[in-house]
Amino acid sequence: GFGSGMTLGSILGGQFDAWGRRRGVCLYCVACAASCLLKHFRDYRLLLLGRVLGGACTSLLFSVFDAWLLRAHADRGLDRRLLA
């Protein structure tokens, strides 16, 4: 989980700047649900995939949502002091 989050975090953050943050949030929801489901199987490969997805979800959770909030706030021309 931590290793995949560390590895994929820098890659995914930049990709969703190009692909769109809303897509990143939607991918987070799907990947997190898949990660939780895969952890219920006894097959080692599926368990490993669940952990990798979980690490990617952690990276998305702490990057995409914040970036989406800041961008939406700036697009609406709201005061920056409201975010503090």
PDB file of N, CA and C in Angstrom:
ATOM      1  N   GLY A   1       0.798  -1.196   0.000  1.00  0.00           N
ATOM      2  CA  GLY A   1       0.000   0.000   0.000  1.00  0.00           C
ATOM      3  C   GLY A   1       0.838   1.255   0.000  1.00  0.00           C
ATOM      4  N   PHE A   2       1.773   1.348   0.966  1.00  0.00           N
ATOM      5  CA  PHE A   2       2.589   2.558   1.062  1.00  0.00           C
ATOM      6  C   PHE A   2       3.545   2.680  -0.117  1.00  0.00           C
ATOM      7  N   GLY A   3       4.104   1.545  -0.535  1.00  0.00           N
ATOM      8  CA  GLY A   3       5.024   1.572  -1.673  1.00  0.00           C
ATOM      9  C   GLY A   3       4.341   1.984  -2.957  1.00  0.00           C
ATOM     10  N   SER A   4       3.150   1.452  -3.201  1.00  0.00           N
ATOM     11  CA  SER A   4       2.433   1.841  -4.417  1.00  0.00           C
ATOM     12  C   SER A   4       1.955   3.281  -4.331  1.00  0.00           C
ATOM     13  N   GLY A   5       1.584   3.723  -3.141  1.00  0.00           N
ATOM     14  CA  GLY A   5       1.179   5.114  -2.979  1.00  0.00           C
ATOM     15  C   GLY A   5       2.329   6.065  -3.246  1.00  0.00           C
ATOM     16  N   MET A   6       3.507   5.682  -2.764  1.00  0.00           N
ATOM     17  CA  MET A   6       4.681   6.514  -2.983  1.00  0.00           C
ATOM     18  C   MET A   6       5.063   6.533  -4.463  1.00  0.00           C
ATOM     19  N   THR A   7       5.002   5.391  -5.106  1.00  0.00           N
ATOM     20  CA  THR A   7       5.391   5.292  -6.509  1.00  0.00           C
ATOM     21  C   THR A   7       4.359   5.931  -7.432  1.00  0.00           C
ATOM     22  N   LEU A   8       3.109   5.605  -7.203  1.00  0.00           N
ATOM     23  CA  LEU A   8       2.058   6.094  -8.099  1.00  0.00           C
ATOM     24  C   LEU A   8       1.616   7.521  -7.796  1.00  0.00           C
ATOM     25  N   GLY A   9       1.889   8.005  -6.595  1.00  0.00           N
ATOM     26  CA  GLY A   9       1.432   9.339  -6.208  1.00  0.00           C
ATOM     27  C   GLY A   9       1.963  10.441  -7.098  1.00  0.00           C
ATOM     28  N   SER A  10       3.236  10.399  -7.372  1.00  0.00           N
ATOM     29  CA  SER A  10       3.811  11.451  -8.217  1.00  0.00           C
ATOM     30  C   SER A  10       3.357  11.324  -9.661  1.00  0.00           C
ATOM     31  N   ILE A  11       3.101  10.124 -10.102  1.00  0.00           N
ATOM     32  CA  ILE A  11       2.640   9.912 -11.480  1.00  0.00           C
ATOM     33  C   ILE A  11       1.180  10.328 -11.627  1.00  0.00           C
ATOM     34  N   LEU A  12       0.343   9.870 -10.715  1.00  0.00           N
ATOM     35  CA  LEU A  12      -1.095  10.141 -10.830  1.00  0.00           C
ATOM     36  C   LEU A  12      -1.437  11.612 -10.646  1.00  0.00           C
ATOM     37  N   GLY A  13      -0.737  12.276  -9.763  1.00  0.00           N
ATOM     38  CA  GLY A  13      -1.014  13.698  -9.539  1.00  0.00           C
ATOM     39  C   GLY A  13      -0.836  14.515 -10.808  1.00  0.00           C
ATOM     40  N   GLY A  14       0.250  14.285 -11.510  1.00  0.00           N
ATOM     41  CA  GLY A  14       0.497  14.999 -12.759  1.00  0.00           C
ATOM     42  C   GLY A  14      -0.462  14.593 -13.870  1.00  0.00           C
ATOM     43  N   GLN A  15      -0.812  13.322 -13.899  1.00  0.00           N
ATOM     44  CA  GLN A  15      -1.727  12.857 -14.944  1.00  0.00           C
ATOM     45  C   GLN A  15      -3.110  13.491 -14.802  1.00  0.00           C
ATOM     46  N   PHE A  16      -3.580  13.626 -13.586  1.00  0.00           N
ATOM     47  CA  PHE A  16      -4.912  14.180 -13.414  1.00  0.00           C
ATOM     48  C   PHE A  16      -4.945  15.690 -13.545  1.00  0.00           C
ATOM     49  N   ASP A  17      -3.790  16.329 -13.520  1.00  0.00           N
ATOM     50  CA  ASP A  17      -3.763  17.732 -13.910  1.00  0.00           C
ATOM     51  C   ASP A  17      -4.077  17.857 -15.399  1.00  0.00           C
ATOM     52  N   ALA A  18      -3.645  16.891 -16.177  1.00  0.00           N
ATOM     53  CA  ALA A  18      -3.898  16.904 -17.619  1.00  0.00           C
ATOM     54  C   ALA A  18      -5.260  16.295 -17.962  1.00  0.00           C
ATOM     55  N   TRP A  19      -5.647  15.206 -17.306  1.00  0.00           N
ATOM     56  CA  TRP A  19      -6.890  14.512 -17.639  1.00  0.00           C
ATOM     57  C   TRP A  19      -8.126  15.161 -17.043  1.00  0.00           C
ATOM     58  N   GLY A  20      -7.957  15.870 -15.961  1.00  0.00           N
ATOM     59  CA  GLY A  20      -9.098  16.485 -15.295  1.00  0.00           C
ATOM     60  C   GLY A  20      -9.256  15.944 -13.887  1.00  0.00           C
ATOM     61  N   ARG A  21      -9.480  16.852 -12.964  1.00  0.00           N
ATOM     62  CA  ARG A  21      -9.577  16.453 -11.557  1.00  0.00           C
ATOM     63  C   ARG A  21     -10.871  15.725 -11.254  1.00  0.00           C
ATOM     64  N   ARG A  22     -11.934  16.075 -11.954  1.00  0.00           N
ATOM     65  CA  ARG A  22     -13.205  15.379 -11.726  1.00  0.00           C
ATOM     66  C   ARG A  22     -13.083  13.914 -12.102  1.00  0.00           C
ATOM     67  N   ARG A  23     -12.374  13.634 -13.183  1.00  0.00           N
ATOM     68  CA  ARG A  23     -12.127  12.233 -13.551  1.00  0.00           C
ATOM     69  C   ARG A  23     -11.298  11.530 -12.488  1.00  0.00           C
ATOM     70  N   GLY A  24     -10.364  12.266 -11.900  1.00  0.00           N
ATOM     71  CA  GLY A  24      -9.561  11.689 -10.829  1.00  0.00           C
ATOM     72  C   GLY A  24     -10.390  11.325  -9.621  1.00  0.00           C
ATOM     73  N   VAL A  25     -11.350  12.162  -9.297  1.00  0.00           N
ATOM     74  CA  VAL A  25     -12.234  11.881  -8.164  1.00  0.00           C
ATOM     75  C   VAL A  25     -13.108  10.665  -8.465  1.00  0.00           C
ATOM     76  N   CYS A  26     -13.614  10.587  -9.697  1.00  0.00           N
ATOM     77  CA  CYS A  26     -14.428   9.418 -10.080  1.00  0.00           C
ATOM     78  C   CYS A  26     -13.593   8.147 -10.076  1.00  0.00           C
ATOM     79  N   LEU A  27     -12.356   8.236 -10.575  1.00  0.00           N
ATOM     80  CA  LEU A  27     -11.470   7.073 -10.548  1.00  0.00           C
ATOM     81  C   LEU A  27     -11.155   6.674  -9.120  1.00  0.00           C
ATOM     82  N   TYR A  28     -10.984   7.644  -8.245  1.00  0.00           N
ATOM     83  CA  TYR A  28     -10.749   7.336  -6.837  1.00  0.00           C
ATOM     84  C   TYR A  28     -11.891   6.483  -6.279  1.00  0.00           C
ATOM     85  N   CYS A  29     -13.120   6.878  -6.547  1.00  0.00           N
ATOM     86  CA  CYS A  29     -14.276   6.138  -6.012  1.00  0.00           C
ATOM     87  C   CYS A  29     -14.306   4.706  -6.526  1.00  0.00           C
ATOM     88  N   VAL A  30     -14.084   4.537  -7.818  1.00  0.00           N
ATOM     89  CA  VAL A  30     -14.109   3.201  -8.417  1.00  0.00           C
ATOM     90  C   VAL A  30     -12.945   2.357  -7.907  1.00  0.00           C
ATOM     91  N   ALA A  31     -11.751   2.939  -7.880  1.00  0.00           N
ATOM     92  CA  ALA A  31     -10.565   2.188  -7.454  1.00  0.00           C
ATOM     93  C   ALA A  31     -10.641   1.831  -5.977  1.00  0.00           C
ATOM     94  N   CYS A  32     -11.185   2.713  -5.164  1.00  0.00           N
ATOM     95  CA  CYS A  32     -11.310   2.423  -3.734  1.00  0.00           C
ATOM     96  C   CYS A  32     -12.307   1.288  -3.495  1.00  0.00           C
ATOM     97  N   ALA A  33     -13.410   1.310  -4.222  1.00  0.00           N
ATOM     98  CA  ALA A  33     -14.388   0.222  -4.100  1.00  0.00           C
ATOM     99  C   ALA A  33     -13.773  -1.097  -4.570  1.00  0.00           C
ATOM    100  N   ALA A  34     -13.041  -1.060  -5.676  1.00  0.00           N
ATOM    101  CA  ALA A  34     -12.392  -2.279  -6.171  1.00  0.00           C
ATOM    102  C   ALA A  34     -11.346  -2.776  -5.184  1.00  0.00           C
ATOM    103  N   SER A  35     -10.600  -1.853  -4.585  1.00  0.00           N
ATOM    104  CA  SER A  35      -9.588  -2.234  -3.599  1.00  0.00           C
ATOM    105  C   SER A  35     -10.230  -2.943  -2.411  1.00  0.00           C
ATOM    106  N   CYS A  36     -11.325  -2.412  -1.932  1.00  0.00           N
ATOM    107  CA  CYS A  36     -12.011  -3.035  -0.790  1.00  0.00           C
ATOM    108  C   CYS A  36     -12.561  -4.414  -1.150  1.00  0.00           C
ATOM    109  N   LEU A  37     -13.098  -4.532  -2.350  1.00  0.00           N
ATOM    110  CA  LEU A  37     -13.637  -5.830  -2.766  1.00  0.00           C
ATOM    111  C   LEU A  37     -12.539  -6.870  -2.959  1.00  0.00           C
ATOM    112  N   LEU A  38     -11.420  -6.473  -3.522  1.00  0.00           N
ATOM    113  CA  LEU A  38     -10.343  -7.426  -3.791  1.00  0.00           C
ATOM    114  C   LEU A  38      -9.691  -7.962  -2.527  1.00  0.00           C
ATOM    115  N   LYS A  39      -9.826  -7.268  -1.440  1.00  0.00           N
ATOM    116  CA  LYS A  39      -9.224  -7.723  -0.190  1.00  0.00           C
ATOM    117  C   LYS A  39      -9.996  -8.864   0.461  1.00  0.00           C
ATOM    118  N   HIS A  40     -11.111  -9.273  -0.121  1.00  0.00           N
ATOM    119  CA  HIS A  40     -11.906 -10.363   0.426  1.00  0.00           C
ATOM    120  C   HIS A  40     -11.630 -11.700  -0.247  1.00  0.00           C
ATOM    121  N   PHE A  41     -10.718 -11.728  -1.220  1.00  0.00           N
ATOM    122  CA  PHE A  41     -10.389 -12.965  -1.918  1.00  0.00           C
ATOM    123  C   PHE A  41      -9.171 -13.619  -1.281  1.00  0.00           C
ATOM    124  N   ARG A  42      -9.040 -14.914  -1.499  1.00  0.00           N
ATOM    125  CA  ARG A  42      -7.914 -15.657  -0.937  1.00  0.00           C
ATOM    126  C   ARG A  42      -6.759 -15.796  -1.922  1.00  0.00           C
ATOM    127  N   ASP A  43      -6.955 -15.397  -3.146  1.00  0.00           N
ATOM    128  CA  ASP A  43      -5.901 -15.461  -4.149  1.00  0.00           C
ATOM    129  C   ASP A  43      -4.880 -14.352  -3.879  1.00  0.00           C
ATOM    130  N   TYR A  44      -3.605 -14.736  -3.798  1.00  0.00           N
ATOM    131  CA  TYR A  44      -2.558 -13.775  -3.447  1.00  0.00           C
ATOM    132  C   TYR A  44      -2.465 -12.632  -4.455  1.00  0.00           C
ATOM    133  N   ARG A  45      -2.604 -12.930  -5.736  1.00  0.00           N
ATOM    134  CA  ARG A  45      -2.502 -11.882  -6.761  1.00  0.00           C
ATOM    135  C   ARG A  45      -3.615 -10.857  -6.620  1.00  0.00           C
ATOM    136  N   LEU A  46      -4.805 -11.299  -6.297  1.00  0.00           N
ATOM    137  CA  LEU A  46      -5.915 -10.371  -6.100  1.00  0.00           C
ATOM    138  C   LEU A  46      -5.724  -9.533  -4.837  1.00  0.00           C
ATOM    139  N   LEU A  47      -5.196 -10.157  -3.795  1.00  0.00           N
ATOM    140  CA  LEU A  47      -4.897  -9.407  -2.580  1.00  0.00           C
ATOM    141  C   LEU A  47      -3.835  -8.340  -2.844  1.00  0.00           C
ATOM    142  N   LEU A  48      -2.818  -8.714  -3.611  1.00  0.00           N
ATOM    143  CA  LEU A  48      -1.760  -7.765  -3.947  1.00  0.00           C
ATOM    144  C   LEU A  48      -2.311  -6.612  -4.787  1.00  0.00           C
ATOM    145  N   LEU A  49      -3.154  -6.928  -5.753  1.00  0.00           N
ATOM    146  CA  LEU A  49      -3.785  -5.891  -6.574  1.00  0.00           C
ATOM    147  C   LEU A  49      -4.643  -4.961  -5.718  1.00  0.00           C
ATOM    148  N   GLY A  50      -5.340  -5.525  -4.734  1.00  0.00           N
ATOM    149  CA  GLY A  50      -6.136  -4.708  -3.820  1.00  0.00           C
ATOM    150  C   GLY A  50      -5.279  -3.746  -3.024  1.00  0.00           C
ATOM    151  N   ARG A  51      -4.102  -4.208  -2.603  1.00  0.00           N
ATOM    152  CA  ARG A  51      -3.197  -3.335  -1.857  1.00  0.00           C
ATOM    153  C   ARG A  51      -2.614  -2.239  -2.745  1.00  0.00           C
ATOM    154  N   VAL A  52      -2.266  -2.590  -3.973  1.00  0.00           N
ATOM    155  CA  VAL A  52      -1.737  -1.581  -4.908  1.00  0.00           C
ATOM    156  C   VAL A  52      -2.799  -0.526  -5.202  1.00  0.00           C
ATOM    157  N   LEU A  53      -4.020  -0.970  -5.436  1.00  0.00           N
ATOM    158  CA  LEU A  53      -5.112  -0.015  -5.665  1.00  0.00           C
ATOM    159  C   LEU A  53      -5.357   0.845  -4.426  1.00  0.00           C
ATOM    160  N   GLY A  54      -5.238   0.248  -3.256  1.00  0.00           N
ATOM    161  CA  GLY A  54      -5.406   1.010  -2.028  1.00  0.00           C
ATOM    162  C   GLY A  54      -4.360   2.105  -1.883  1.00  0.00           C
ATOM    163  N   GLY A  55      -3.132   1.808  -2.252  1.00  0.00           N
ATOM    164  CA  GLY A  55      -2.084   2.826  -2.209  1.00  0.00           C
ATOM    165  C   GLY A  55      -2.333   3.932  -3.214  1.00  0.00           C
ATOM    166  N   ALA A  56      -2.789   3.557  -4.412  1.00  0.00           N
ATOM    167  CA  ALA A  56      -3.121   4.565  -5.424  1.00  0.00           C
ATOM    168  C   ALA A  56      -4.282   5.429  -4.947  1.00  0.00           C
ATOM    169  N   CYS A  57      -5.239   4.819  -4.282  1.00  0.00           N
ATOM    170  CA  CYS A  57      -6.385   5.579  -3.761  1.00  0.00           C
ATOM    171  C   CYS A  57      -5.943   6.583  -2.699  1.00  0.00           C
ATOM    172  N   THR A  58      -5.012   6.186  -1.861  1.00  0.00           N
ATOM    173  CA  THR A  58      -4.503   7.104  -0.855  1.00  0.00           C
ATOM    174  C   THR A  58      -3.839   8.303  -1.508  1.00  0.00           C
ATOM    175  N   SER A  59      -3.081   8.058  -2.567  1.00  0.00           N
ATOM    176  CA  SER A  59      -2.442   9.161  -3.283  1.00  0.00           C
ATOM    177  C   SER A  59      -3.478  10.090  -3.897  1.00  0.00           C
ATOM    178  N   LEU A  60      -4.508   9.507  -4.487  1.00  0.00           N
ATOM    179  CA  LEU A  60      -5.565  10.323  -5.084  1.00  0.00           C
ATOM    180  C   LEU A  60      -6.331  11.094  -4.022  1.00  0.00           C
ATOM    181  N   LEU A  61      -6.578  10.470  -2.892  1.00  0.00           N
ATOM    182  CA  LEU A  61      -7.339  11.113  -1.825  1.00  0.00           C
ATOM    183  C   LEU A  61      -6.667  12.382  -1.331  1.00  0.00           C
ATOM    184  N   PHE A  62      -5.351  12.357  -1.220  1.00  0.00           N
ATOM    185  CA  PHE A  62      -4.644  13.491  -0.665  1.00  0.00           C
ATOM    186  C   PHE A  62      -4.108  14.447  -1.716  1.00  0.00           C
ATOM    187  N   SER A  63      -4.527  14.289  -2.971  1.00  0.00           N
ATOM    188  CA  SER A  63      -4.068  15.236  -3.995  1.00  0.00           C
ATOM    189  C   SER A  63      -5.207  15.751  -4.868  1.00  0.00           C
ATOM    190  N   VAL A  64      -6.003  14.876  -5.405  1.00  0.00           N
ATOM    191  CA  VAL A  64      -6.993  15.273  -6.403  1.00  0.00           C
ATOM    192  C   VAL A  64      -8.130  16.088  -5.795  1.00  0.00           C
ATOM    193  N   PHE A  65      -8.619  15.698  -4.642  1.00  0.00           N
ATOM    194  CA  PHE A  65      -9.742  16.412  -4.047  1.00  0.00           C
ATOM    195  C   PHE A  65      -9.366  17.857  -3.697  1.00  0.00           C
ATOM    196  N   ASP A  66      -8.190  18.032  -3.120  1.00  0.00           N
ATOM    197  CA  ASP A  66      -7.744  19.377  -2.766  1.00  0.00           C
ATOM    198  C   ASP A  66      -7.537  20.239  -4.000  1.00  0.00           C
ATOM    199  N   ALA A  67      -6.920  19.667  -5.018  1.00  0.00           N
ATOM    200  CA  ALA A  67      -6.679  20.420  -6.252  1.00  0.00           C
ATOM    201  C   ALA A  67      -7.996  20.801  -6.914  1.00  0.00           C
ATOM    202  N   TRP A  68      -8.973  19.903  -6.882  1.00  0.00           N
ATOM    203  CA  TRP A  68     -10.274  20.186  -7.482  1.00  0.00           C
ATOM    204  C   TRP A  68     -10.960  21.319  -6.717  1.00  0.00           C
ATOM    205  N   LEU A  69     -10.906  21.287  -5.403  1.00  0.00           N
ATOM    206  CA  LEU A  69     -11.512  22.335  -4.585  1.00  0.00           C
ATOM    207  C   LEU A  69     -10.872  23.693  -4.867  1.00  0.00           C
ATOM    208  N   LEU A  70      -9.551  23.738  -4.892  1.00  0.00           N
ATOM    209  CA  LEU A  70      -8.868  25.004  -5.138  1.00  0.00           C
ATOM    210  C   LEU A  70      -9.167  25.549  -6.523  1.00  0.00           C
ATOM    211  N   ARG A  71      -9.192  24.686  -7.527  1.00  0.00           N
ATOM    212  CA  ARG A  71      -9.468  25.133  -8.891  1.00  0.00           C
ATOM    213  C   ARG A  71     -10.918  25.616  -9.032  1.00  0.00           C
ATOM    214  N   ALA A  72     -11.869  24.895  -8.464  1.00  0.00           N
ATOM    215  CA  ALA A  72     -13.271  25.310  -8.533  1.00  0.00           C
ATOM    216  C   ALA A  72     -13.472  26.638  -7.802  1.00  0.00           C
ATOM    217  N   HIS A  73     -12.790  26.810  -6.709  1.00  0.00           N
ATOM    218  CA  HIS A  73     -12.875  28.055  -5.940  1.00  0.00           C
ATOM    219  C   HIS A  73     -12.334  29.228  -6.764  1.00  0.00           C
ATOM    220  N   ALA A  74     -11.188  29.005  -7.419  1.00  0.00           N
ATOM    221  CA  ALA A  74     -10.577  30.061  -8.233  1.00  0.00           C
ATOM    222  C   ALA A  74     -11.421  30.365  -9.471  1.00  0.00           C
ATOM    223  N   ASP A  75     -12.014  29.350 -10.082  1.00  0.00           N
ATOM    224  CA  ASP A  75     -12.846  29.564 -11.279  1.00  0.00           C
ATOM    225  C   ASP A  75     -14.074  30.407 -10.978  1.00  0.00           C
ATOM    226  N   ARG A  76     -14.575  30.315  -9.766  1.00  0.00           N
ATOM    227  CA  ARG A  76     -15.757  31.085  -9.391  1.00  0.00           C
ATOM    228  C   ARG A  76     -15.400  32.489  -8.903  1.00  0.00           C
ATOM    229  N   GLY A  77     -14.119  32.781  -8.801  1.00  0.00           N
ATOM    230  CA  GLY A  77     -13.673  34.112  -8.399  1.00  0.00           C
ATOM    231  C   GLY A  77     -13.937  34.424  -6.930  1.00  0.00           C
ATOM    232  N   LEU A  78     -13.961  33.422  -6.112  1.00  0.00           N
ATOM    233  CA  LEU A  78     -14.207  33.634  -4.693  1.00  0.00           C
ATOM    234  C   LEU A  78     -12.938  34.105  -3.984  1.00  0.00           C
ATOM    235  N   ASP A  79     -13.121  34.733  -2.861  1.00  0.00           N
ATOM    236  CA  ASP A  79     -12.011  35.268  -2.082  1.00  0.00           C
ATOM    237  C   ASP A  79     -11.146  34.142  -1.536  1.00  0.00           C
ATOM    238  N   ARG A  80      -9.833  34.263  -1.688  1.00  0.00           N
ATOM    239  CA  ARG A  80      -8.899  33.239  -1.238  1.00  0.00           C
ATOM    240  C   ARG A  80      -8.908  33.076   0.278  1.00  0.00           C
ATOM    241  N   ARG A  81      -9.287  34.126   0.990  1.00  0.00           N
ATOM    242  CA  ARG A  81      -9.290  34.050   2.453  1.00  0.00           C
ATOM    243  C   ARG A  81     -10.350  33.072   2.963  1.00  0.00           C
ATOM    244  N   LEU A  82     -11.355  32.760   2.140  1.00  0.00           N
ATOM    245  CA  LEU A  82     -12.382  31.809   2.565  1.00  0.00           C
ATOM    246  C   LEU A  82     -11.837  30.388   2.715  1.00  0.00           C
ATOM    247  N   LEU A  83     -10.721  30.097   2.076  1.00  0.00           N
ATOM    248  CA  LEU A  83     -10.150  28.749   2.150  1.00  0.00           C
ATOM    249  C   LEU A  83      -9.252  28.541   3.370  1.00  0.00           C
ATOM    250  N   ALA A  84      -8.893  29.598   4.038  1.00  0.00           N
ATOM    251  CA  ALA A  84      -7.963  29.484   5.165  1.00  0.00           C
ATOM    252  C   ALA A  84      -8.631  28.971   6.417  1.00  0.00           C
TER     253      ALA A  84
END
